[in-house]
mmCIF file of all heavy atoms, coordinates in Angstrom:
data_MODEL
# 
_entry.id   MODEL 
# 
loop_
_atom_site.group_PDB 
_atom_site.id 
_atom_site.type_symbol 
_atom_site.label_atom_id 
_atom_site.label_alt_id 
_atom_site.label_comp_id 
_atom_site.label_asym_id 
_atom_site.label_entity_id 
_atom_site.label_seq_id 
_atom_site.pdbx_PDB_ins_code 
_atom_site.Cartn_x 
_atom_site.Cartn_y 
_atom_site.Cartn_z 
_atom_site.occupancy 
_atom_site.B_iso_or_equiv 
_atom_site.pdbx_formal_charge 
_atom_site.auth_seq_id 
_atom_site.auth_comp_id 
_atom_site.auth_asym_id 
_atom_site.auth_atom_id 
_atom_site.pdbx_PDB_model_num 
ATOM 1   N N   . GLN A 1 1  ? 57.104 53.612 3.419  1.00 0.00 ? 1  GLN A N   1 
ATOM 2   C CA  . GLN A 1 1  ? 56.497 52.847 2.317  1.00 0.00 ? 1  GLN A CA  1 
ATOM 3   C C   . GLN A 1 1  ? 55.779 51.615 2.843  1.00 0.00 ? 1  GLN A C   1 
ATOM 4   O O   . GLN A 1 1  ? 54.628 51.336 2.467  1.00 0.00 ? 1  GLN A O   1 
ATOM 5   C CB  . GLN A 1 1  ? 57.588 52.448 1.332  1.00 0.00 ? 1  GLN A CB  1 
ATOM 6   C CG  . GLN A 1 1  ? 57.113 51.631 0.150  1.00 0.00 ? 1  GLN A CG  1 
ATOM 7   C CD  . GLN A 1 1  ? 58.256 51.328 -0.791 1.00 0.00 ? 1  GLN A CD  1 
ATOM 8   O OE1 . GLN A 1 1  ? 58.943 52.233 -1.262 1.00 0.00 ? 1  GLN A OE1 1 
ATOM 9   N NE2 . GLN A 1 1  ? 58.491 50.051 -1.057 1.00 0.00 ? 1  GLN A NE2 1 
ATOM 10  N N   . ASN A 1 2  ? 56.432 50.864 3.711  1.00 0.00 ? 2  ASN A N   1 
ATOM 11  C CA  . ASN A 1 2  ? 55.802 49.645 4.233  1.00 0.00 ? 2  ASN A CA  1 
ATOM 12  C C   . ASN A 1 2  ? 54.675 49.945 5.207  1.00 0.00 ? 2  ASN A C   1 
ATOM 13  O O   . ASN A 1 2  ? 53.756 49.137 5.357  1.00 0.00 ? 2  ASN A O   1 
ATOM 14  C CB  . ASN A 1 2  ? 56.862 48.761 4.890  1.00 0.00 ? 2  ASN A CB  1 
ATOM 15  C CG  . ASN A 1 2  ? 57.707 48.023 3.874  1.00 0.00 ? 2  ASN A CG  1 
ATOM 16  O OD1 . ASN A 1 2  ? 57.245 47.107 3.212  1.00 0.00 ? 2  ASN A OD1 1 
ATOM 17  N ND2 . ASN A 1 2  ? 58.956 48.442 3.717  1.00 0.00 ? 2  ASN A ND2 1 
ATOM 18  N N   . THR A 1 3  ? 54.730 51.110 5.850  1.00 0.00 ? 3  THR A N   1 
ATOM 19  C CA  . THR A 1 3  ? 53.620 51.500 6.711  1.00 0.00 ? 3  THR A CA  1 
ATOM 20  C C   . THR A 1 3  ? 52.370 51.764 5.888  1.00 0.00 ? 3  THR A C   1 
ATOM 21  O O   . THR A 1 3  ? 51.279 51.267 6.215  1.00 0.00 ? 3  THR A O   1 
ATOM 22  C CB  . THR A 1 3  ? 53.988 52.758 7.533  1.00 0.00 ? 3  THR A CB  1 
ATOM 23  O OG1 . THR A 1 3  ? 55.090 52.447 8.390  1.00 0.00 ? 3  THR A OG1 1 
ATOM 24  C CG2 . THR A 1 3  ? 52.813 53.215 8.379  1.00 0.00 ? 3  THR A CG2 1 
ATOM 25  N N   . VAL A 1 4  ? 52.500 52.549 4.803  1.00 0.00 ? 4  VAL A N   1 
ATOM 26  C CA  . VAL A 1 4  ? 51.314 52.856 3.997  1.00 0.00 ? 4  VAL A CA  1 
ATOM 27  C C   . VAL A 1 4  ? 50.808 51.630 3.257  1.00 0.00 ? 4  VAL A C   1 
ATOM 28  O O   . VAL A 1 4  ? 49.588 51.484 3.051  1.00 0.00 ? 4  VAL A O   1 
ATOM 29  C CB  . VAL A 1 4  ? 51.566 54.021 3.009  1.00 0.00 ? 4  VAL A CB  1 
ATOM 30  C CG1 . VAL A 1 4  ? 51.928 55.291 3.743  1.00 0.00 ? 4  VAL A CG1 1 
ATOM 31  C CG2 . VAL A 1 4  ? 52.614 53.678 1.978  1.00 0.00 ? 4  VAL A CG2 1 
ATOM 32  N N   . THR A 1 5  ? 51.706 50.718 2.856  1.00 0.00 ? 5  THR A N   1 
ATOM 33  C CA  . THR A 1 5  ? 51.217 49.510 2.178  1.00 0.00 ? 5  THR A CA  1 
ATOM 34  C C   . THR A 1 5  ? 50.442 48.621 3.147  1.00 0.00 ? 5  THR A C   1 
ATOM 35  O O   . THR A 1 5  ? 49.418 48.038 2.773  1.00 0.00 ? 5  THR A O   1 
ATOM 36  C CB  . THR A 1 5  ? 52.369 48.717 1.551  1.00 0.00 ? 5  THR A CB  1 
ATOM 37  O OG1 . THR A 1 5  ? 53.343 48.402 2.543  1.00 0.00 ? 5  THR A OG1 1 
ATOM 38  C CG2 . THR A 1 5  ? 53.028 49.498 0.434  1.00 0.00 ? 5  THR A CG2 1 
ATOM 39  N N   . ASN A 1 6  ? 50.904 48.524 4.403  1.00 0.00 ? 6  ASN A N   1 
ATOM 40  C CA  . ASN A 1 6  ? 50.148 47.761 5.398  1.00 0.00 ? 6  ASN A CA  1 
ATOM 41  C C   . ASN A 1 6  ? 48.798 48.398 5.684  1.00 0.00 ? 6  ASN A C   1 
ATOM 42  O O   . ASN A 1 6  ? 47.786 47.700 5.821  1.00 0.00 ? 6  ASN A O   1 
ATOM 43  C CB  . ASN A 1 6  ? 50.957 47.646 6.692  1.00 0.00 ? 6  ASN A CB  1 
ATOM 44  C CG  . ASN A 1 6  ? 51.885 46.455 6.691  1.00 0.00 ? 6  ASN A CG  1 
ATOM 45  O OD1 . ASN A 1 6  ? 51.474 45.316 6.879  1.00 0.00 ? 6  ASN A OD1 1 
ATOM 46  N ND2 . ASN A 1 6  ? 53.164 46.703 6.458  1.00 0.00 ? 6  ASN A ND2 1 
ATOM 47  N N   . LEU A 1 7  ? 48.774 49.725 5.784  1.00 0.00 ? 7  LEU A N   1 
ATOM 48  C CA  . LEU A 1 7  ? 47.498 50.412 6.003  1.00 0.00 ? 7  LEU A CA  1 
ATOM 49  C C   . LEU A 1 7  ? 46.569 50.200 4.814  1.00 0.00 ? 7  LEU A C   1 
ATOM 50  O O   . LEU A 1 7  ? 45.372 49.931 4.984  1.00 0.00 ? 7  LEU A O   1 
ATOM 51  C CB  . LEU A 1 7  ? 47.736 51.905 6.224  1.00 0.00 ? 7  LEU A CB  1 
ATOM 52  C CG  . LEU A 1 7  ? 48.346 52.313 7.562  1.00 0.00 ? 7  LEU A CG  1 
ATOM 53  C CD1 . LEU A 1 7  ? 48.662 53.805 7.575  1.00 0.00 ? 7  LEU A CD1 1 
ATOM 54  C CD2 . LEU A 1 7  ? 47.409 51.966 8.714  1.00 0.00 ? 7  LEU A CD2 1 
ATOM 55  N N   . GLY A 1 8  ? 47.105 50.309 3.601  1.00 0.00 ? 8  GLY A N   1 
ATOM 56  C CA  . GLY A 1 8  ? 46.283 50.103 2.412  1.00 0.00 ? 8  GLY A CA  1 
ATOM 57  C C   . GLY A 1 8  ? 45.709 48.706 2.345  1.00 0.00 ? 8  GLY A C   1 
ATOM 58  O O   . GLY A 1 8  ? 44.519 48.520 2.052  1.00 0.00 ? 8  GLY A O   1 
ATOM 59  N N   . ALA A 1 9  ? 46.545 47.708 2.637  1.00 0.00 ? 9  ALA A N   1 
ATOM 60  C CA  . ALA A 1 9  ? 46.065 46.323 2.606  1.00 0.00 ? 9  ALA A CA  1 
ATOM 61  C C   . ALA A 1 9  ? 45.003 46.078 3.666  1.00 0.00 ? 9  ALA A C   1 
ATOM 62  O O   . ALA A 1 9  ? 43.993 45.401 3.407  1.00 0.00 ? 9  ALA A O   1 
ATOM 63  C CB  . ALA A 1 9  ? 47.239 45.367 2.804  1.00 0.00 ? 9  ALA A CB  1 
ATOM 64  N N   . SER A 1 10 ? 45.210 46.629 4.867  1.00 0.00 ? 10 SER A N   1 
ATOM 65  C CA  . SER A 1 10 ? 44.227 46.444 5.944  1.00 0.00 ? 10 SER A CA  1 
ATOM 66  C C   . SER A 1 10 ? 42.897 47.096 5.594  1.00 0.00 ? 10 SER A C   1 
ATOM 67  O O   . SER A 1 10 ? 41.827 46.512 5.778  1.00 0.00 ? 10 SER A O   1 
ATOM 68  C CB  . SER A 1 10 ? 44.773 47.027 7.251  1.00 0.00 ? 10 SER A CB  1 
ATOM 69  O OG  . SER A 1 10 ? 45.962 46.388 7.640  1.00 0.00 ? 10 SER A OG  1 
ATOM 70  N N   . ILE A 1 11 ? 42.973 48.329 5.058  1.00 0.00 ? 11 ILE A N   1 
ATOM 71  C CA  . ILE A 1 11 ? 41.739 49.034 4.694  1.00 0.00 ? 11 ILE A CA  1 
ATOM 72  C C   . ILE A 1 11 ? 41.051 48.345 3.516  1.00 0.00 ? 11 ILE A C   1 
ATOM 73  O O   . ILE A 1 11 ? 39.815 48.229 3.486  1.00 0.00 ? 11 ILE A O   1 
ATOM 74  C CB  . ILE A 1 11 ? 42.042 50.509 4.371  1.00 0.00 ? 11 ILE A CB  1 
ATOM 75  C CG1 . ILE A 1 11 ? 42.456 51.243 5.656  1.00 0.00 ? 11 ILE A CG1 1 
ATOM 76  C CG2 . ILE A 1 11 ? 40.838 51.191 3.731  1.00 0.00 ? 11 ILE A CG2 1 
ATOM 77  C CD1 . ILE A 1 11 ? 42.917 52.667 5.426  1.00 0.00 ? 11 ILE A CD1 1 
ATOM 78  N N   . GLY A 1 12 ? 41.833 47.869 2.549  1.00 0.00 ? 12 GLY A N   1 
ATOM 79  C CA  . GLY A 1 12 ? 41.237 47.185 1.398  1.00 0.00 ? 12 GLY A CA  1 
ATOM 80  C C   . GLY A 1 12 ? 40.453 45.953 1.799  1.00 0.00 ? 12 GLY A C   1 
ATOM 81  O O   . GLY A 1 12 ? 39.325 45.734 1.342  1.00 0.00 ? 12 GLY A O   1 
ATOM 82  N N   . THR A 1 13 ? 41.039 45.139 2.684  1.00 0.00 ? 13 THR A N   1 
ATOM 83  C CA  . THR A 1 13 ? 40.347 43.936 3.155  1.00 0.00 ? 13 THR A CA  1 
ATOM 84  C C   . THR A 1 13 ? 39.112 44.292 3.962  1.00 0.00 ? 13 THR A C   1 
ATOM 85  O O   . THR A 1 13 ? 38.034 43.716 3.777  1.00 0.00 ? 13 THR A O   1 
ATOM 86  C CB  . THR A 1 13 ? 41.298 43.080 4.008  1.00 0.00 ? 13 THR A CB  1 
ATOM 87  O OG1 . THR A 1 13 ? 42.458 42.762 3.240  1.00 0.00 ? 13 THR A OG1 1 
ATOM 88  C CG2 . THR A 1 13 ? 40.620 41.799 4.452  1.00 0.00 ? 13 THR A CG2 1 
ATOM 89  N N   . ALA A 1 14 ? 39.272 45.254 4.896  1.00 0.00 ? 14 ALA A N   1 
ATOM 90  C CA  . ALA A 1 14 ? 38.145 45.640 5.750  1.00 0.00 ? 14 ALA A CA  1 
ATOM 91  C C   . ALA A 1 14 ? 37.017 46.269 4.939  1.00 0.00 ? 14 ALA A C   1 
ATOM 92  O O   . ALA A 1 14 ? 35.835 45.979 5.166  1.00 0.00 ? 14 ALA A O   1 
ATOM 93  C CB  . ALA A 1 14 ? 38.622 46.609 6.833  1.00 0.00 ? 14 ALA A CB  1 
ATOM 94  N N   . LEU A 1 15 ? 37.371 47.134 3.993  1.00 0.00 ? 15 LEU A N   1 
ATOM 95  C CA  . LEU A 1 15 ? 36.351 47.811 3.189  1.00 0.00 ? 15 LEU A CA  1 
ATOM 96  C C   . LEU A 1 15 ? 35.601 46.825 2.302  1.00 0.00 ? 15 LEU A C   1 
ATOM 97  O O   . LEU A 1 15 ? 34.358 46.826 2.266  1.00 0.00 ? 15 LEU A O   1 
ATOM 98  C CB  . LEU A 1 15 ? 37.028 48.886 2.333  1.00 0.00 ? 15 LEU A CB  1 
ATOM 99  C CG  . LEU A 1 15 ? 36.115 49.757 1.472  1.00 0.00 ? 15 LEU A CG  1 
ATOM 100 C CD1 . LEU A 1 15 ? 35.182 50.570 2.353  1.00 0.00 ? 15 LEU A CD1 1 
ATOM 101 C CD2 . LEU A 1 15 ? 36.949 50.684 0.584  1.00 0.00 ? 15 LEU A CD2 1 
ATOM 102 N N   . ALA A 1 16 ? 36.338 45.964 1.596  1.00 0.00 ? 16 ALA A N   1 
ATOM 103 C CA  . ALA A 1 16 ? 35.682 44.976 0.733  1.00 0.00 ? 16 ALA A CA  1 
ATOM 104 C C   . ALA A 1 16 ? 34.800 44.050 1.563  1.00 0.00 ? 16 ALA A C   1 
ATOM 105 O O   . ALA A 1 16 ? 33.671 43.721 1.157  1.00 0.00 ? 16 ALA A O   1 
ATOM 106 C CB  . ALA A 1 16 ? 36.731 44.176 -0.033 1.00 0.00 ? 16 ALA A CB  1 
ATOM 107 N N   . GLY A 1 17 ? 35.296 43.628 2.726  1.00 0.00 ? 17 GLY A N   1 
ATOM 108 C CA  . GLY A 1 17 ? 34.513 42.738 3.575  1.00 0.00 ? 17 GLY A CA  1 
ATOM 109 C C   . GLY A 1 17 ? 33.255 43.385 4.103  1.00 0.00 ? 17 GLY A C   1 
ATOM 110 O O   . GLY A 1 17 ? 32.172 42.777 4.107  1.00 0.00 ? 17 GLY A O   1 
ATOM 111 N N   . ALA A 1 18 ? 33.369 44.642 4.564  1.00 0.00 ? 18 ALA A N   1 
ATOM 112 C CA  . ALA A 1 18 ? 32.205 45.334 5.126  1.00 0.00 ? 18 ALA A CA  1 
ATOM 113 C C   . ALA A 1 18 ? 31.136 45.575 4.070  1.00 0.00 ? 18 ALA A C   1 
ATOM 114 O O   . ALA A 1 18 ? 29.939 45.355 4.310  1.00 0.00 ? 18 ALA A O   1 
ATOM 115 C CB  . ALA A 1 18 ? 32.646 46.659 5.755  1.00 0.00 ? 18 ALA A CB  1 
ATOM 116 N N   . VAL A 1 19 ? 31.553 46.020 2.886  1.00 0.00 ? 19 VAL A N   1 
ATOM 117 C CA  . VAL A 1 19 ? 30.582 46.278 1.809  1.00 0.00 ? 19 VAL A CA  1 
ATOM 118 C C   . VAL A 1 19 ? 29.940 44.975 1.359  1.00 0.00 ? 19 VAL A C   1 
ATOM 119 O O   . VAL A 1 19 ? 28.720 44.912 1.124  1.00 0.00 ? 19 VAL A O   1 
ATOM 120 C CB  . VAL A 1 19 ? 31.286 46.990 0.632  1.00 0.00 ? 19 VAL A CB  1 
ATOM 121 C CG1 . VAL A 1 19 ? 30.364 47.059 -0.585 1.00 0.00 ? 19 VAL A CG1 1 
ATOM 122 C CG2 . VAL A 1 19 ? 31.719 48.386 1.042  1.00 0.00 ? 19 VAL A CG2 1 
ATOM 123 N N   . LEU A 1 20 ? 30.746 43.927 1.230  1.00 0.00 ? 20 LEU A N   1 
ATOM 124 C CA  . LEU A 1 20 ? 30.216 42.630 0.799  1.00 0.00 ? 20 LEU A CA  1 
ATOM 125 C C   . LEU A 1 20 ? 29.138 42.127 1.767  1.00 0.00 ? 20 LEU A C   1 
ATOM 126 O O   . LEU A 1 20 ? 28.047 41.725 1.342  1.00 0.00 ? 20 LEU A O   1 
ATOM 127 C CB  . LEU A 1 20 ? 31.353 41.624 0.685  1.00 0.00 ? 20 LEU A CB  1 
ATOM 128 C CG  . LEU A 1 20 ? 31.008 40.247 0.111  1.00 0.00 ? 20 LEU A CG  1 
ATOM 129 C CD1 . LEU A 1 20 ? 32.216 39.667 -0.628 1.00 0.00 ? 20 LEU A CD1 1 
ATOM 130 C CD2 . LEU A 1 20 ? 30.602 39.260 1.205  1.00 0.00 ? 20 LEU A CD2 1 
ATOM 131 N N   . ILE A 1 21 ? 29.439 42.141 3.050  1.00 0.00 ? 21 ILE A N   1 
ATOM 132 C CA  . ILE A 1 21 ? 28.478 41.618 4.038  1.00 0.00 ? 21 ILE A CA  1 
ATOM 133 C C   . ILE A 1 21 ? 27.236 42.488 4.109  1.00 0.00 ? 21 ILE A C   1 
ATOM 134 O O   . ILE A 1 21 ? 26.111 41.988 4.232  1.00 0.00 ? 21 ILE A O   1 
ATOM 135 C CB  . ILE A 1 21 ? 29.143 41.497 5.431  1.00 0.00 ? 21 ILE A CB  1 
ATOM 136 C CG1 . ILE A 1 21 ? 30.265 40.449 5.376  1.00 0.00 ? 21 ILE A CG1 1 
ATOM 137 C CG2 . ILE A 1 21 ? 28.125 41.121 6.484  1.00 0.00 ? 21 ILE A CG2 1 
ATOM 138 C CD1 . ILE A 1 21 ? 29.828 39.068 4.964  1.00 0.00 ? 21 ILE A CD1 1 
ATOM 139 N N   . ALA A 1 22 ? 27.407 43.824 4.016  1.00 0.00 ? 22 ALA A N   1 
ATOM 140 C CA  . ALA A 1 22 ? 26.247 44.723 4.067  1.00 0.00 ? 22 ALA A CA  1 
ATOM 141 C C   . ALA A 1 22 ? 25.327 44.479 2.873  1.00 0.00 ? 22 ALA A C   1 
ATOM 142 O O   . ALA A 1 22 ? 24.097 44.384 3.025  1.00 0.00 ? 22 ALA A O   1 
ATOM 143 C CB  . ALA A 1 22 ? 26.719 46.175 4.090  1.00 0.00 ? 22 ALA A CB  1 
ATOM 144 N N   . ALA A 1 23 ? 25.903 44.379 1.667  1.00 0.00 ? 23 ALA A N   1 
ATOM 145 C CA  . ALA A 1 23 ? 25.083 44.145 0.470  1.00 0.00 ? 23 ALA A CA  1 
ATOM 146 C C   . ALA A 1 23 ? 24.478 42.749 0.488  1.00 0.00 ? 23 ALA A C   1 
ATOM 147 O O   . ALA A 1 23 ? 23.313 42.559 0.087  1.00 0.00 ? 23 ALA A O   1 
ATOM 148 C CB  . ALA A 1 23 ? 25.933 44.341 -0.786 1.00 0.00 ? 23 ALA A CB  1 
ATOM 149 N N   . LEU A 1 24 ? 25.249 41.764 0.929  1.00 0.00 ? 24 LEU A N   1 
ATOM 150 C CA  . LEU A 1 24 ? 24.742 40.399 1.043  1.00 0.00 ? 24 LEU A CA  1 
ATOM 151 C C   . LEU A 1 24 ? 23.545 40.344 1.986  1.00 0.00 ? 24 LEU A C   1 
ATOM 152 O O   . LEU A 1 24 ? 22.507 39.735 1.672  1.00 0.00 ? 24 LEU A O   1 
ATOM 153 C CB  . LEU A 1 24 ? 25.857 39.483 1.554  1.00 0.00 ? 24 LEU A CB  1 
ATOM 154 C CG  . LEU A 1 24 ? 25.483 38.074 2.028  1.00 0.00 ? 24 LEU A CG  1 
ATOM 155 C CD1 . LEU A 1 24 ? 24.987 37.243 0.858  1.00 0.00 ? 24 LEU A CD1 1 
ATOM 156 C CD2 . LEU A 1 24 ? 26.678 37.394 2.682  1.00 0.00 ? 24 LEU A CD2 1 
# 
């Protein structure tokens, strides 16, 4: 459970950041 939550949090931050900077 804690492994998938860490993966989800890492991907969520990375994905939001990458899309934000690309669109910006």
